[in-house]
Amino acid sequence: LGDTLSTRGYPVLYTREPGGTRIGETVRELLLNPQHSELVPVAEALLYAAARAQHVAQV
């Protein structure tokens, strides 16, 4: 979709979640690190929500 819009002259911003911001990337590293496999589901969900909130505020 992004490539199609870009070729038609629309500005496109590629980003990712979690990530896309400095804080979001830190949260992403934490979530994807196998050393943190004991993270309970509620804590994991809240980290995703925090990364999303940061992303919306900054991007």
C-alpha atoms as a PDB file:
ATOM      1  CA  LEU A   1       0.000   0.000   0.000  1.00  0.00           C
ATOM      2  CA  GLY A   2       2.768   2.393   0.951  1.00  0.00           C
ATOM      3  CA  ASP A   3       4.626   1.809  -2.315  1.00  0.00           C
ATOM      4  CA  THR A   4       1.480   2.402  -4.357  1.00  0.00           C
ATOM      5  CA  LEU A   5       0.662   5.624  -2.533  1.00  0.00           C
ATOM      6  CA  SER A   6       4.245   6.810  -2.828  1.00  0.00           C
ATOM      7  CA  THR A   7       4.354   6.226  -6.590  1.00  0.00           C
ATOM      8  CA  ARG A   8       1.149   8.249  -6.885  1.00  0.00           C
ATOM      9  CA  GLY A   9       2.796  11.198  -5.157  1.00  0.00           C
ATOM     10  CA  TYR A  10       1.415  10.813  -1.647  1.00  0.00           C
ATOM     11  CA  PRO A  11       3.808  11.269   1.267  1.00  0.00           C
ATOM     12  CA  VAL A  12       4.335   7.970   3.094  1.00  0.00           C
ATOM     13  CA  LEU A  13       5.859   7.336   6.506  1.00  0.00           C
ATOM     14  CA  TYR A  14       6.995   3.804   7.288  1.00  0.00           C
ATOM     15  CA  THR A  15       7.091   2.899  10.952  1.00  0.00           C
ATOM     16  CA  ARG A  16       6.513  -0.101  13.202  1.00  0.00           C
ATOM     17  CA  GLU A  17       4.887  -1.006  16.475  1.00  0.00           C
ATOM     18  CA  PRO A  18       6.077  -1.582  19.010  1.00  0.00           C
ATOM     19  CA  GLY A  19       8.817   0.763  18.000  1.00  0.00           C
ATOM     20  CA  GLY A  20       8.883   3.804  15.796  1.00  0.00           C
ATOM     21  CA  THR A  21      10.154   6.026  18.631  1.00  0.00           C
ATOM     22  CA  ARG A  22      13.178   5.869  20.905  1.00  0.00           C
ATOM     23  CA  ILE A  23      11.052   4.694  23.826  1.00  0.00           C
ATOM     24  CA  GLY A  24       9.041   2.347  21.625  1.00  0.00           C
ATOM     25  CA  GLU A  25      12.237   0.683  20.410  1.00  0.00           C
ATOM     26  CA  THR A  26      13.315   0.155  24.024  1.00  0.00           C
ATOM     27  CA  VAL A  27       9.956  -1.448  24.813  1.00  0.00           C
ATOM     28  CA  ARG A  28      10.278  -3.590  21.669  1.00  0.00           C
ATOM     29  CA  GLU A  29      13.687  -4.871  22.786  1.00  0.00           C
ATOM     30  CA  LEU A  30      12.242  -5.747  26.186  1.00  0.00           C
ATOM     31  CA  LEU A  31       9.236  -7.564  24.705  1.00  0.00           C
ATOM     32  CA  LEU A  32      11.287  -9.558  22.194  1.00  0.00           C
ATOM     33  CA  ASN A  33      14.047 -10.522  24.627  1.00  0.00           C
ATOM     34  CA  PRO A  34      13.688 -14.220  25.570  1.00  0.00           C
ATOM     35  CA  GLN A  35      15.223 -13.449  28.976  1.00  0.00           C
ATOM     36  CA  HIS A  36      11.920 -11.783  29.865  1.00  0.00           C
ATOM     37  CA  SER A  37       9.723 -14.797  29.130  1.00  0.00           C
ATOM     38  CA  GLU A  38       8.347 -14.673  32.693  1.00  0.00           C
ATOM     39  CA  LEU A  39       6.536 -11.420  31.872  1.00  0.00           C
ATOM     40  CA  VAL A  40       2.873 -11.921  32.788  1.00  0.00           C
ATOM     41  CA  PRO A  41       0.305 -11.306  30.010  1.00  0.00           C
ATOM     42  CA  VAL A  42      -1.152  -8.180  31.640  1.00  0.00           C
ATOM     43  CA  ALA A  43       2.298  -6.600  31.932  1.00  0.00           C
ATOM     44  CA  GLU A  44       3.030  -7.479  28.305  1.00  0.00           C
ATOM     45  CA  ALA A  45      -0.257  -5.924  27.171  1.00  0.00           C
ATOM     46  CA  LEU A  46       0.460  -2.765  29.159  1.00  0.00           C
ATOM     47  CA  LEU A  47       3.907  -2.471  27.575  1.00  0.00           C
ATOM     48  CA  TYR A  48       2.320  -2.730  24.124  1.00  0.00           C
ATOM     49  CA  ALA A  49      -0.200  -0.063  25.150  1.00  0.00           C
ATOM     50  CA  ALA A  50       2.569   2.203  26.449  1.00  0.00           C
ATOM     51  CA  ALA A  51       4.530   1.835  23.216  1.00  0.00           C
ATOM     52  CA  ARG A  52       1.368   2.606  21.205  1.00  0.00           C
ATOM     53  CA  ALA A  53       0.633   5.722  23.292  1.00  0.00           C
ATOM     54  CA  GLN A  54       4.181   6.991  22.777  1.00  0.00           C
ATOM     55  CA  HIS A  55       3.967   6.268  19.062  1.00  0.00           C
ATOM     56  CA  VAL A  56       0.671   8.137  18.667  1.00  0.00           C
ATOM     57  CA  ALA A  57       2.006  11.118  20.620  1.00  0.00           C
ATOM     58  CA  GLN A  58       5.269  11.383  18.680  1.00  0.00           C
ATOM     59  CA  VAL A  59       4.493  10.164  15.184  1.00  0.00           C
END
